[in-house]
Amino acid sequence: MKYKILENPNCEDAYGLVEEALRKKATITIYACCKVTYEGRALSELNWGERIILIKPDGSFLIHQEKKVEPVNWQPPKSKTRGYIQDDNLILESHRRTPKELLIVEIRKVQYITYANIEDFEELEQAGYEKDMGDMIMEKPHMIEEGFKPTAREYSVEHGFIDILGKDRDNNLMILELKARKAGVSAVKQLKRYLTDFEDDDNDYLKECRVQKKKIRGLLVAPSLGNDAEELLEKEGIEFVAVEPPKELKRDKKITLDAF
């Protein structure tokens, strides 16, 4: 990683470093006393204070205070950054074309400024979400119940997208709603809406899969249930299956002889 650092630089030296970093498409980090003005969909002003300014090669421009995860002001990727000196202060502007937005940072004292050419080609890999649960159930459908056969994922109906559709051993239709965390009343209500979408005998999916309309089963699949959700499940005649989402990243999986 190639980088450059200046501590307590004067305005001209800080400006020079910013210009050099922008030319090299480097990531810029500045600790400075600054004032921030935003013009766009609204107007805002943040008076003088010590903050962290982060400018990325993709055009992202973020201003952080000492607390909270989210930046207090920011511009998205593809914004255009420029710098100049005015009244002995360093001015940084971030322009967004559509919609038209302008973020202006007036810096009167830079404590620390650095840039670095960062190389990182990896994508964040995550586990423990509904999609991971869906992948696991499609691979091991018996974890729902013996004889369960999944037939479709993200199936579009009037009230949204059903996570998994399938049939039980008696050829009854099964509608699965997946939640990676404790399921609440809203999940039960959503599943109930999906069930109403299949009340019509002329439903295309029933014809497509040749499912006899003996019974349509709704199953809420989640690690656990809230108390209110449990009461509503019983009232609506919806089933619950306790399943924990997988917590293993794909790159952590090891190939064994079982795979052959």
C-alpha atoms as a PDB file:
ATOM      1  CA  MET A   1       0.000   0.000   0.000  1.00  0.00           C
ATOM      2  CA  LYS A   2       1.374   3.392  -1.032  1.00  0.00           C
ATOM      3  CA  TYR A   3       0.495   6.216   1.320  1.00  0.00           C
ATOM      4  CA  LYS A   4       1.483   9.724   2.405  1.00  0.00           C
ATOM      5  CA  ILE A   5       0.919  11.482   5.747  1.00  0.00           C
ATOM      6  CA  LEU A   6       1.101  15.099   6.919  1.00  0.00           C
ATOM      7  CA  GLU A   7       0.662  16.214  10.525  1.00  0.00           C
ATOM      8  CA  ASN A   8      -0.438  19.780  11.294  1.00  0.00           C
ATOM      9  CA  PRO A   9       0.166  20.969   7.728  1.00  0.00           C
ATOM     10  CA  ASN A  10      -0.468  24.539   6.635  1.00  0.00           C
ATOM     11  CA  CYS A  11      -3.344  25.233   4.256  1.00  0.00           C
ATOM     12  CA  GLU A  12      -1.219  25.119   1.082  1.00  0.00           C
ATOM     13  CA  ASP A  13       0.426  21.797   1.947  1.00  0.00           C
ATOM     14  CA  ALA A  14      -2.923  20.208   2.841  1.00  0.00           C
ATOM     15  CA  TYR A  15      -4.406  21.437  -0.444  1.00  0.00           C
ATOM     16  CA  GLY A  16      -1.432  20.032  -2.347  1.00  0.00           C
ATOM     17  CA  LEU A  17      -1.908  16.628  -0.738  1.00  0.00           C
ATOM     18  CA  VAL A  18      -5.616  16.587  -1.597  1.00  0.00           C
ATOM     19  CA  GLU A  19      -4.902  17.446  -5.237  1.00  0.00           C
ATOM     20  CA  GLU A  20      -2.209  14.770  -5.444  1.00  0.00           C
ATOM     21  CA  ALA A  21      -4.539  12.174  -3.914  1.00  0.00           C
ATOM     22  CA  LEU A  22      -7.399  13.038  -6.290  1.00  0.00           C
ATOM     23  CA  ARG A  23      -5.061  12.661  -9.277  1.00  0.00           C
ATOM     24  CA  LYS A  24      -3.900   9.271  -8.005  1.00  0.00           C
ATOM     25  CA  LYS A  25      -7.468   8.130  -7.213  1.00  0.00           C
ATOM     26  CA  ALA A  26      -6.458   7.470  -3.616  1.00  0.00           C
ATOM     27  CA  THR A  27      -8.509   7.289  -0.417  1.00  0.00           C
ATOM     28  CA  ILE A  28      -8.196  10.496   1.636  1.00  0.00           C
ATOM     29  CA  THR A  29      -8.611  10.776   5.414  1.00  0.00           C
ATOM     30  CA  ILE A  30      -8.574  14.158   7.143  1.00  0.00           C
ATOM     31  CA  TYR A  31      -8.871  15.050  10.838  1.00  0.00           C
ATOM     32  CA  ALA A  32      -9.768  18.724  10.913  1.00  0.00           C
ATOM     33  CA  CYS A  33     -11.740  21.577  12.430  1.00  0.00           C
ATOM     34  CA  CYS A  34     -14.382  22.319   9.831  1.00  0.00           C
ATOM     35  CA  LYS A  35     -17.761  23.805   9.008  1.00  0.00           C
ATOM     36  CA  VAL A  36     -20.182  21.952   6.694  1.00  0.00           C
ATOM     37  CA  THR A  37     -22.910  23.296   4.413  1.00  0.00           C
ATOM     38  CA  TYR A  38     -25.282  21.193   2.314  1.00  0.00           C
ATOM     39  CA  GLU A  39     -27.518  22.384  -0.539  1.00  0.00           C
ATOM     40  CA  GLY A  40     -29.825  20.024  -2.397  1.00  0.00           C
ATOM     41  CA  ARG A  41     -33.122  18.363  -1.547  1.00  0.00           C
ATOM     42  CA  ALA A  42     -32.933  20.425   1.657  1.00  0.00           C
ATOM     43  CA  LEU A  43     -30.556  22.877   3.312  1.00  0.00           C
ATOM     44  CA  SER A  44     -28.346  22.170   6.326  1.00  0.00           C
ATOM     45  CA  GLU A  45     -25.406  23.683   8.143  1.00  0.00           C
ATOM     46  CA  LEU A  46     -23.074  22.139  10.703  1.00  0.00           C
ATOM     47  CA  ASN A  47     -21.065  24.751  12.589  1.00  0.00           C
ATOM     48  CA  TRP A  48     -17.385  24.557  13.504  1.00  0.00           C
ATOM     49  CA  GLY A  49     -16.146  21.353  15.146  1.00  0.00           C
ATOM     50  CA  GLU A  50     -13.432  18.695  14.955  1.00  0.00           C
ATOM     51  CA  ARG A  51     -14.425  15.912  12.562  1.00  0.00           C
ATOM     52  CA  ILE A  52     -13.177  13.106  10.338  1.00  0.00           C
ATOM     53  CA  ILE A  53     -13.483  13.573   6.570  1.00  0.00           C
ATOM     54  CA  LEU A  54     -13.258  10.527   4.307  1.00  0.00           C
ATOM     55  CA  ILE A  55     -13.081  10.792   0.499  1.00  0.00           C
ATOM     56  CA  LYS A  56     -13.015   7.591  -1.567  1.00  0.00           C
ATOM     57  CA  PRO A  57     -11.884   7.014  -5.166  1.00  0.00           C
ATOM     58  CA  ASP A  58     -15.463   6.152  -6.214  1.00  0.00           C
ATOM     59  CA  GLY A  59     -16.575   9.684  -5.281  1.00  0.00           C
ATOM     60  CA  SER A  60     -18.045   8.877  -1.870  1.00  0.00           C
ATOM     61  CA  PHE A  61     -17.576  11.786   0.555  1.00  0.00           C
ATOM     62  CA  LEU A  62     -18.307  11.247   4.253  1.00  0.00           C
ATOM     63  CA  ILE A  63     -18.054  13.429   7.350  1.00  0.00           C
ATOM     64  CA  HIS A  64     -18.027  11.708  10.734  1.00  0.00           C
ATOM     65  CA  GLN A  65     -18.343  13.099  14.234  1.00  0.00           C
ATOM     66  CA  GLU A  66     -16.811  11.421  17.290  1.00  0.00           C
ATOM     67  CA  LYS A  67     -19.997   9.417  17.992  1.00  0.00           C
ATOM     68  CA  LYS A  68     -22.428   7.265  15.994  1.00  0.00           C
ATOM     69  CA  VAL A  69     -21.822   4.865  13.132  1.00  0.00           C
ATOM     70  CA  GLU A  70     -23.514   6.874  10.382  1.00  0.00           C
ATOM     71  CA  PRO A  71     -21.840   9.964   8.895  1.00  0.00           C
ATOM     72  CA  VAL A  72     -23.417  13.303   9.795  1.00  0.00           C
ATOM     73  CA  ASN A  73     -23.137  14.424   6.152  1.00  0.00           C
ATOM     74  CA  TRP A  74     -22.298  12.435   3.041  1.00  0.00           C
ATOM     75  CA  GLN A  75     -22.385  12.235  -0.724  1.00  0.00           C
ATOM     76  CA  PRO A  76     -22.745   8.934  -2.628  1.00  0.00           C
ATOM     77  CA  PRO A  77     -20.409   7.289  -5.164  1.00  0.00           C
ATOM     78  CA  LYS A  78     -19.984   9.091  -8.517  1.00  0.00           C
ATOM     79  CA  SER A  79     -19.940  12.480  -6.818  1.00  0.00           C
ATOM     80  CA  LYS A  80     -17.174  14.840  -7.958  1.00  0.00           C
ATOM     81  CA  THR A  81     -14.722  16.300  -5.413  1.00  0.00           C
ATOM     82  CA  ARG A  82     -12.651  19.462  -5.856  1.00  0.00           C
ATOM     83  CA  GLY A  83     -10.552  21.577  -3.527  1.00  0.00           C
ATOM     84  CA  TYR A  84      -9.345  25.180  -3.416  1.00  0.00           C
ATOM     85  CA  ILE A  85      -8.083  27.808  -0.985  1.00  0.00           C
ATOM     86  CA  GLN A  86     -10.260  30.750   0.050  1.00  0.00           C
ATOM     87  CA  ASP A  87      -9.496  33.310   2.789  1.00  0.00           C
ATOM     88  CA  ASP A  88      -6.644  31.114   4.107  1.00  0.00           C
ATOM     89  CA  ASN A  89      -9.013  28.161   4.566  1.00  0.00           C
ATOM     90  CA  LEU A  90      -9.056  24.892   2.630  1.00  0.00           C
ATOM     91  CA  ILE A  91     -12.418  24.376   0.892  1.00  0.00           C
ATOM     92  CA  LEU A  92     -13.577  20.935  -0.242  1.00  0.00           C
ATOM     93  CA  GLU A  93     -16.659  20.587  -2.422  1.00  0.00           C
ATOM     94  CA  SER A  94     -18.504  17.417  -3.369  1.00  0.00           C
ATOM     95  CA  HIS A  95     -20.887  17.796  -6.328  1.00  0.00           C
ATOM     96  CA  ARG A  96     -23.608  15.305  -7.184  1.00  0.00           C
ATOM     97  CA  ARG A  97     -25.143  15.772 -10.625  1.00  0.00           C
ATOM     98  CA  THR A  98     -28.479  13.910 -10.331  1.00  0.00           C
ATOM     99  CA  PRO A  99     -30.211  14.916  -8.186  1.00  0.00           C
ATOM    100  CA  LYS A 100     -28.267  18.161  -7.928  1.00  0.00           C
ATOM    101  CA  GLU A 101     -26.574  18.323  -4.519  1.00  0.00           C
ATOM    102  CA  LEU A 102     -23.580  20.231  -3.167  1.00  0.00           C
ATOM    103  CA  LEU A 103     -21.641  19.557   0.028  1.00  0.00           C
ATOM    104  CA  ILE A 104     -19.164  22.276   1.060  1.00  0.00           C
ATOM    105  CA  VAL A 105     -16.580  21.746   3.800  1.00  0.00           C
ATOM    106  CA  GLU A 106     -14.632  24.768   5.039  1.00  0.00           C
ATOM    107  CA  ILE A 107     -11.492  23.737   6.933  1.00  0.00           C
ATOM    108  CA  ARG A 108      -9.611  26.203   9.105  1.00  0.00           C
ATOM    109  CA  LYS A 109      -7.206  23.787  10.794  1.00  0.00           C
ATOM    110  CA  VAL A 110      -5.948  20.356   9.642  1.00  0.00           C
ATOM    111  CA  GLN A 111      -4.505  18.215  12.422  1.00  0.00           C
ATOM    112  CA  TYR A 112      -3.780  15.188  10.280  1.00  0.00           C
ATOM    113  CA  ILE A 113      -4.203  14.291   6.608  1.00  0.00           C
ATOM    114  CA  THR A 114      -3.272  11.147   4.734  1.00  0.00           C
ATOM    115  CA  TYR A 115      -3.957   9.383   1.486  1.00  0.00           C
ATOM    116  CA  ALA A 116      -3.440   5.761   0.501  1.00  0.00           C
ATOM    117  CA  ASN A 117      -3.808   3.687  -2.641  1.00  0.00           C
ATOM    118  CA  ILE A 118      -5.735   0.742  -1.225  1.00  0.00           C
ATOM    119  CA  GLU A 119      -5.992  -2.576  -3.058  1.00  0.00           C
ATOM    120  CA  ASP A 120      -8.983  -4.659  -2.043  1.00  0.00           C
ATOM    121  CA  PHE A 121     -10.748  -6.940  -4.532  1.00  0.00           C
ATOM    122  CA  GLU A 122     -12.841  -9.004  -2.131  1.00  0.00           C
ATOM    123  CA  GLU A 123     -16.625  -8.911  -1.727  1.00  0.00           C
ATOM    124  CA  LEU A 124     -18.204  -9.129   1.705  1.00  0.00           C
ATOM    125  CA  GLU A 125     -19.542 -12.631   2.332  1.00  0.00           C
ATOM    126  CA  GLN A 126     -22.317 -12.984   4.875  1.00  0.00           C
ATOM    127  CA  ALA A 127     -24.210 -15.818   6.507  1.00  0.00           C
ATOM    128  CA  GLY A 128     -27.221 -16.113   8.754  1.00  0.00           C
ATOM    129  CA  TYR A 129     -29.838 -14.421   6.572  1.00  0.00           C
ATOM    130  CA  GLU A 130     -33.123 -15.585   5.032  1.00  0.00           C
ATOM    131  CA  LYS A 131     -31.371 -16.404   1.760  1.00  0.00           C
ATOM    132  CA  ASP A 132     -28.954 -18.692   3.591  1.00  0.00           C
ATOM    133  CA  MET A 133     -31.881 -20.392   5.319  1.00  0.00           C
ATOM    134  CA  GLY A 134     -33.541 -20.859   1.936  1.00  0.00           C
ATOM    135  CA  ASP A 135     -30.395 -22.384   0.426  1.00  0.00           C
ATOM    136  CA  MET A 136     -30.108 -24.766   3.375  1.00  0.00           C
ATOM    137  CA  ILE A 137     -33.755 -25.865   3.149  1.00  0.00           C
ATOM    138  CA  MET A 138     -33.505 -26.416  -0.603  1.00  0.00           C
ATOM    139  CA  GLU A 139     -30.482 -28.667  -0.010  1.00  0.00           C
ATOM    140  CA  LYS A 140     -32.000 -30.447   3.009  1.00  0.00           C
ATOM    141  CA  PRO A 141     -35.803 -30.237   2.688  1.00  0.00           C
ATOM    142  CA  HIS A 142     -36.298 -32.976   5.307  1.00  0.00           C
ATOM    143  CA  MET A 143     -35.404 -30.437   8.002  1.00  0.00           C
ATOM    144  CA  ILE A 144     -38.896 -28.991   7.487  1.00  0.00           C
ATOM    145  CA  GLU A 145     -40.510 -32.417   7.582  1.00  0.00           C
ATOM    146  CA  GLU A 146     -40.042 -35.837   6.021  1.00  0.00           C
ATOM    147  CA  GLY A 147     -41.481 -35.955   2.518  1.00  0.00           C
ATOM    148  CA  PHE A 148     -41.352 -32.211   1.912  1.00  0.00           C
ATOM    149  CA  LYS A 149     -40.455 -31.349  -1.702  1.00  0.00           C
ATOM    150  CA  PRO A 150     -39.627 -27.688  -2.479  1.00  0.00           C
ATOM    151  CA  THR A 151     -40.733 -26.663  -5.966  1.00  0.00           C
ATOM    152  CA  ALA A 152     -40.168 -22.891  -6.242  1.00  0.00           C
ATOM    153  CA  ARG A 153     -38.386 -19.956  -4.593  1.00  0.00           C
ATOM    154  CA  GLU A 154     -39.295 -16.274  -4.494  1.00  0.00           C
ATOM    155  CA  TYR A 155     -42.606 -17.070  -6.155  1.00  0.00           C
ATOM    156  CA  SER A 156     -44.499 -13.901  -7.083  1.00  0.00           C
ATOM    157  CA  VAL A 157     -48.090 -13.520  -5.873  1.00  0.00           C
ATOM    158  CA  GLU A 158     -50.403 -10.573  -5.384  1.00  0.00           C
ATOM    159  CA  HIS A 159     -49.098  -9.779  -1.904  1.00  0.00           C
ATOM    160  CA  GLY A 160     -45.371 -10.198  -2.536  1.00  0.00           C
ATOM    161  CA  PHE A 161     -42.815 -12.969  -3.009  1.00  0.00           C
ATOM    162  CA  ILE A 162     -43.147 -16.306  -1.257  1.00  0.00           C
ATOM    163  CA  ASP A 163     -39.801 -17.557   0.067  1.00  0.00           C
ATOM    164  CA  ILE A 164     -40.377 -21.245  -0.713  1.00  0.00           C
ATOM    165  CA  LEU A 165     -43.271 -23.184  -2.201  1.00  0.00           C
ATOM    166  CA  GLY A 166     -43.482 -26.959  -2.073  1.00  0.00           C
ATOM    167  CA  LYS A 167     -45.565 -30.080  -1.538  1.00  0.00           C
ATOM    168  CA  ASP A 168     -45.841 -32.481   1.367  1.00  0.00           C
ATOM    169  CA  ARG A 169     -45.949 -36.253   1.035  1.00  0.00           C
ATOM    170  CA  ASP A 170     -49.737 -36.083   0.570  1.00  0.00           C
ATOM    171  CA  ASN A 171     -49.366 -33.600  -2.308  1.00  0.00           C
ATOM    172  CA  ASN A 172     -50.708 -30.676  -0.261  1.00  0.00           C
ATOM    173  CA  LEU A 173     -49.345 -27.240  -1.100  1.00  0.00           C
ATOM    174  CA  MET A 174     -46.897 -25.801   1.459  1.00  0.00           C
ATOM    175  CA  ILE A 175     -46.102 -22.085   1.691  1.00  0.00           C
ATOM    176  CA  LEU A 176     -42.971 -21.243   3.692  1.00  0.00           C
ATOM    177  CA  GLU A 177     -42.191 -17.810   5.117  1.00  0.00           C
ATOM    178  CA  LEU A 178     -38.588 -17.602   6.391  1.00  0.00           C
ATOM    179  CA  LYS A 179     -37.255 -15.358   9.145  1.00  0.00           C
ATOM    180  CA  ALA A 180     -33.616 -15.415  10.268  1.00  0.00           C
ATOM    181  CA  ARG A 181     -34.489 -13.831  13.641  1.00  0.00           C
ATOM    182  CA  LYS A 182     -37.337 -14.176  16.132  1.00  0.00           C
ATOM    183  CA  ALA A 183     -40.586 -13.972  14.141  1.00  0.00           C
ATOM    184  CA  GLY A 184     -43.215 -11.449  15.128  1.00  0.00           C
ATOM    185  CA  VAL A 185     -46.861 -10.741  14.347  1.00  0.00           C
ATOM    186  CA  SER A 186     -45.991  -9.043  11.035  1.00  0.00           C
ATOM    187  CA  ALA A 187     -44.474 -12.294   9.710  1.00  0.00           C
ATOM    188  CA  VAL A 188     -47.634 -14.227  10.598  1.00  0.00           C
ATOM    189  CA  LYS A 189     -49.828 -11.613   8.894  1.00  0.00           C
ATOM    190  CA  GLN A 190     -47.641 -11.701   5.775  1.00  0.00           C
ATOM    191  CA  LEU A 191     -47.932 -15.480   5.578  1.00  0.00           C
ATOM    192  CA  LYS A 192     -51.705 -15.214   6.005  1.00  0.00           C
ATOM    193  CA  ARG A 193     -51.852 -12.848   3.031  1.00  0.00           C
ATOM    194  CA  TYR A 194     -49.941 -15.376   0.927  1.00  0.00           C
ATOM    195  CA  LEU A 195     -52.438 -18.073   1.903  1.00  0.00           C
ATOM    196  CA  THR A 196     -55.325 -15.915   0.699  1.00  0.00           C
ATOM    197  CA  ASP A 197     -53.601 -15.615  -2.690  1.00  0.00           C
ATOM    198  CA  PHE A 198     -54.130 -19.370  -3.165  1.00  0.00           C
ATOM    199  CA  GLU A 199     -57.787 -19.510  -2.218  1.00  0.00           C
ATOM    200  CA  ASP A 200     -58.831 -19.309  -5.890  1.00  0.00           C
ATOM    201  CA  ASP A 201     -59.240 -22.741  -7.520  1.00  0.00           C
ATOM    202  CA  ASP A 202     -57.987 -21.308 -10.834  1.00  0.00           C
ATOM    203  CA  ASN A 203     -54.602 -20.371  -9.363  1.00  0.00           C
ATOM    204  CA  ASP A 204     -51.967 -20.837 -12.093  1.00  0.00           C
ATOM    205  CA  TYR A 205     -49.422 -22.388  -9.764  1.00  0.00           C
ATOM    206  CA  LEU A 206     -51.844 -25.073  -8.575  1.00  0.00           C
ATOM    207  CA  LYS A 207     -52.435 -26.053 -12.183  1.00  0.00           C
ATOM    208  CA  GLU A 208     -48.753 -25.829 -13.084  1.00  0.00           C
ATOM    209  CA  CYS A 209     -47.616 -28.145 -10.285  1.00  0.00           C
ATOM    210  CA  ARG A 210     -50.712 -30.342 -10.450  1.00  0.00           C
ATOM    211  CA  VAL A 211     -51.263 -29.864  -6.759  1.00  0.00           C
ATOM    212  CA  GLN A 212     -54.624 -31.097  -5.602  1.00  0.00           C
ATOM    213  CA  LYS A 213     -56.304 -28.541  -3.416  1.00  0.00           C
ATOM    214  CA  LYS A 214     -56.817 -30.883  -0.490  1.00  0.00           C
ATOM    215  CA  LYS A 215     -55.162 -28.492   1.904  1.00  0.00           C
ATOM    216  CA  ILE A 216     -52.927 -25.421   1.717  1.00  0.00           C
ATOM    217  CA  ARG A 217     -50.464 -25.309   4.592  1.00  0.00           C
ATOM    218  CA  GLY A 218     -48.725 -22.185   5.785  1.00  0.00           C
ATOM    219  CA  LEU A 219     -45.450 -22.680   7.647  1.00  0.00           C
ATOM    220  CA  LEU A 220     -43.543 -19.954   9.445  1.00  0.00           C
ATOM    221  CA  VAL A 221     -39.878 -20.973   9.651  1.00  0.00           C
ATOM    222  CA  ALA A 222     -37.723 -19.094  12.172  1.00  0.00           C
ATOM    223  CA  PRO A 223     -35.407 -19.680  15.167  1.00  0.00           C
ATOM    224  CA  SER A 224     -38.152 -18.659  17.603  1.00  0.00           C
ATOM    225  CA  LEU A 225     -41.506 -16.904  18.006  1.00  0.00           C
ATOM    226  CA  GLY A 226     -42.668 -13.849  19.895  1.00  0.00           C
ATOM    227  CA  ASN A 227     -45.567 -14.413  22.306  1.00  0.00           C
ATOM    228  CA  ASP A 228     -48.015 -12.383  20.243  1.00  0.00           C
ATOM    229  CA  ALA A 229     -46.971 -14.233  17.085  1.00  0.00           C
ATOM    230  CA  GLU A 230     -47.583 -17.595  18.764  1.00  0.00           C
ATOM    231  CA  GLU A 231     -51.132 -16.617  19.705  1.00  0.00           C
ATOM    232  CA  LEU A 232     -51.899 -15.392  16.180  1.00  0.00           C
ATOM    233  CA  LEU A 233     -50.441 -18.573  14.642  1.00  0.00           C
ATOM    234  CA  GLU A 234     -52.848 -20.707  16.625  1.00  0.00           C
ATOM    235  CA  LYS A 235     -55.759 -18.468  15.722  1.00  0.00           C
ATOM    236  CA  GLU A 236     -54.982 -18.582  11.984  1.00  0.00           C
ATOM    237  CA  GLY A 237     -54.120 -22.301  11.910  1.00  0.00           C
ATOM    238  CA  ILE A 238     -50.574 -21.641  10.681  1.00  0.00           C
ATOM    239  CA  GLU A 239     -47.737 -24.014  11.562  1.00  0.00           C
ATOM    240  CA  PHE A 240     -44.335 -23.151  13.012  1.00  0.00           C
ATOM    241  CA  VAL A 241     -41.016 -24.902  12.376  1.00  0.00           C
ATOM    242  CA  ALA A 242     -37.979 -23.883  14.435  1.00  0.00           C
ATOM    243  CA  VAL A 243     -34.867 -23.574  12.236  1.00  0.00           C
ATOM    244  CA  GLU A 244     -31.641 -21.713  13.004  1.00  0.00           C
ATOM    245  CA  PRO A 245     -30.013 -19.942  10.029  1.00  0.00           C
ATOM    246  CA  PRO A 246     -26.586 -21.290   9.037  1.00  0.00           C
ATOM    247  CA  LYS A 247     -23.673 -19.298  10.470  1.00  0.00           C
ATOM    248  CA  GLU A 248     -20.982 -20.754   8.231  1.00  0.00           C
ATOM    249  CA  LEU A 249     -19.506 -18.737   5.381  1.00  0.00           C
ATOM    250  CA  LYS A 250     -19.251 -20.578   2.082  1.00  0.00           C
ATOM    251  CA  ARG A 251     -15.480 -20.161   1.954  1.00  0.00           C
ATOM    252  CA  ASP A 252     -15.248 -21.909   5.357  1.00  0.00           C
ATOM    253  CA  LYS A 253     -16.895 -25.043   4.035  1.00  0.00           C
ATOM    254  CA  LYS A 254     -14.473 -27.897   3.580  1.00  0.00           C
ATOM    255  CA  ILE A 255     -14.794 -30.505   0.856  1.00  0.00           C
ATOM    256  CA  THR A 256     -14.881 -34.019   2.251  1.00  0.00           C
ATOM    257  CA  LEU A 257     -15.357 -37.466   0.757  1.00  0.00           C
ATOM    258  CA  ASP A 258     -19.070 -37.141   1.578  1.00  0.00           C
ATOM    259  CA  ALA A 259     -19.390 -34.764  -1.347  1.00  0.00           C
ATOM    260  CA  PHE A 260     -18.506 -37.508  -3.847  1.00  0.00           C
END
